[in-house]
């Protein structure tokens, strides 16, 4: 997965997000972590990133991936 400056944000547990603002399309600064329950479901569906133009936004969820061990 890409680093903090890339187009994607991945989190422990396998959640993958696009680092684009859903309103203006700019690359956003992703939060450090998200909440995932034991069933691999995202607990907090609120904002999870900061767009310099639009403020707090929710990055588009792309899906789950399995981390290589």
C-alpha atoms as a PDB file:
ATOM      1  CA  UNK A   1       0.000   0.000   0.000  1.00  0.00           C
ATOM      2  CA  UNK A   2       1.063   3.560  -0.501  1.00  0.00           C
ATOM      3  CA  UNK A   3       2.548   5.711   2.215  1.00  0.00           C
ATOM      4  CA  UNK A   4       0.916   8.774   3.774  1.00  0.00           C
ATOM      5  CA  UNK A   5       1.425  10.819   0.610  1.00  0.00           C
ATOM      6  CA  UNK A   6       0.038   8.176  -1.804  1.00  0.00           C
ATOM      7  CA  UNK A   7      -3.487   7.793  -3.201  1.00  0.00           C
ATOM      8  CA  UNK A   8      -4.570   5.061  -0.755  1.00  0.00           C
ATOM      9  CA  UNK A   9      -4.718   4.657   3.020  1.00  0.00           C
ATOM     10  CA  UNK A  10      -4.637   1.206   4.587  1.00  0.00           C
ATOM     11  CA  UNK A  11      -5.269   0.399   8.227  1.00  0.00           C
ATOM     12  CA  UNK A  12      -4.457  -2.554  10.465  1.00  0.00           C
ATOM     13  CA  UNK A  13      -7.232  -5.077   9.976  1.00  0.00           C
ATOM     14  CA  UNK A  14      -7.249  -4.623   6.203  1.00  0.00           C
ATOM     15  CA  UNK A  15      -9.521  -1.618   5.588  1.00  0.00           C
ATOM     16  CA  UNK A  16      -8.506   0.248   2.424  1.00  0.00           C
ATOM     17  CA  UNK A  17      -9.618   3.805   1.628  1.00  0.00           C
ATOM     18  CA  UNK A  18      -9.073   6.215  -1.251  1.00  0.00           C
ATOM     19  CA  UNK A  19      -7.370   9.382   0.018  1.00  0.00           C
ATOM     20  CA  UNK A  20      -9.547  11.643  -2.155  1.00  0.00           C
ATOM     21  CA  UNK A  21     -12.056  14.166  -0.873  1.00  0.00           C
ATOM     22  CA  UNK A  22     -15.524  13.025  -1.989  1.00  0.00           C
ATOM     23  CA  UNK A  23     -16.533  16.662  -2.618  1.00  0.00           C
ATOM     24  CA  UNK A  24     -13.608  18.323  -4.406  1.00  0.00           C
ATOM     25  CA  UNK A  25     -11.301  15.399  -5.328  1.00  0.00           C
ATOM     26  CA  UNK A  26      -8.202  16.693  -3.526  1.00  0.00           C
ATOM     27  CA  UNK A  27      -5.815  14.352  -1.707  1.00  0.00           C
ATOM     28  CA  UNK A  28      -6.732  14.415   1.998  1.00  0.00           C
ATOM     29  CA  UNK A  29      -4.762  13.861   5.204  1.00  0.00           C
ATOM     30  CA  UNK A  30      -6.026  10.581   6.679  1.00  0.00           C
ATOM     31  CA  UNK A  31      -6.542   9.989  10.407  1.00  0.00           C
ATOM     32  CA  UNK A  32      -3.988   7.771  12.153  1.00  0.00           C
ATOM     33  CA  UNK A  33      -6.502   5.012  12.927  1.00  0.00           C
ATOM     34  CA  UNK A  34     -10.096   3.857  12.552  1.00  0.00           C
ATOM     35  CA  UNK A  35     -12.286   1.673  14.774  1.00  0.00           C
ATOM     36  CA  UNK A  36     -12.939  -1.902  13.583  1.00  0.00           C
ATOM     37  CA  UNK A  37     -14.938  -4.479  15.558  1.00  0.00           C
ATOM     38  CA  UNK A  38     -14.225  -8.225  15.781  1.00  0.00           C
ATOM     39  CA  UNK A  39     -16.384  -8.907  12.729  1.00  0.00           C
ATOM     40  CA  UNK A  40     -14.161  -6.752  10.479  1.00  0.00           C
ATOM     41  CA  UNK A  41     -16.764  -3.999  10.302  1.00  0.00           C
ATOM     42  CA  UNK A  42     -15.852  -0.320  10.553  1.00  0.00           C
ATOM     43  CA  UNK A  43     -17.424   0.927  13.793  1.00  0.00           C
ATOM     44  CA  UNK A  44     -17.299   4.690  13.243  1.00  0.00           C
ATOM     45  CA  UNK A  45     -18.661   5.712   9.835  1.00  0.00           C
ATOM     46  CA  UNK A  46     -18.057   9.411  10.510  1.00  0.00           C
ATOM     47  CA  UNK A  47     -15.312  11.603   9.114  1.00  0.00           C
ATOM     48  CA  UNK A  48     -11.865  10.022   8.924  1.00  0.00           C
ATOM     49  CA  UNK A  49      -9.774  12.609   7.089  1.00  0.00           C
ATOM     50  CA  UNK A  50      -9.063  16.324   6.750  1.00  0.00           C
ATOM     51  CA  UNK A  51      -9.395  18.135   3.424  1.00  0.00           C
ATOM     52  CA  UNK A  52      -7.686  21.536   3.246  1.00  0.00           C
ATOM     53  CA  UNK A  53     -10.600  22.963   1.282  1.00  0.00           C
ATOM     54  CA  UNK A  54     -13.663  21.127   2.678  1.00  0.00           C
ATOM     55  CA  UNK A  55     -12.595  20.387   6.283  1.00  0.00           C
ATOM     56  CA  UNK A  56     -13.500  17.035   7.905  1.00  0.00           C
ATOM     57  CA  UNK A  57     -14.615  14.441   5.331  1.00  0.00           C
ATOM     58  CA  UNK A  58     -15.116  10.698   5.010  1.00  0.00           C
ATOM     59  CA  UNK A  59     -12.705   9.002   2.604  1.00  0.00           C
ATOM     60  CA  UNK A  60     -14.333   6.608   0.120  1.00  0.00           C
ATOM     61  CA  UNK A  61     -14.070   3.002   1.384  1.00  0.00           C
ATOM     62  CA  UNK A  62     -12.579   0.696  -1.274  1.00  0.00           C
ATOM     63  CA  UNK A  63     -12.767  -2.663   0.472  1.00  0.00           C
ATOM     64  CA  UNK A  64     -10.858  -5.130   2.590  1.00  0.00           C
ATOM     65  CA  UNK A  65      -7.492  -6.695   1.801  1.00  0.00           C
ATOM     66  CA  UNK A  66      -5.526  -9.393   3.556  1.00  0.00           C
ATOM     67  CA  UNK A  67      -2.185  -8.314   4.960  1.00  0.00           C
ATOM     68  CA  UNK A  68       0.795 -10.432   3.922  1.00  0.00           C
ATOM     69  CA  UNK A  69       2.592 -11.974   6.858  1.00  0.00           C
END
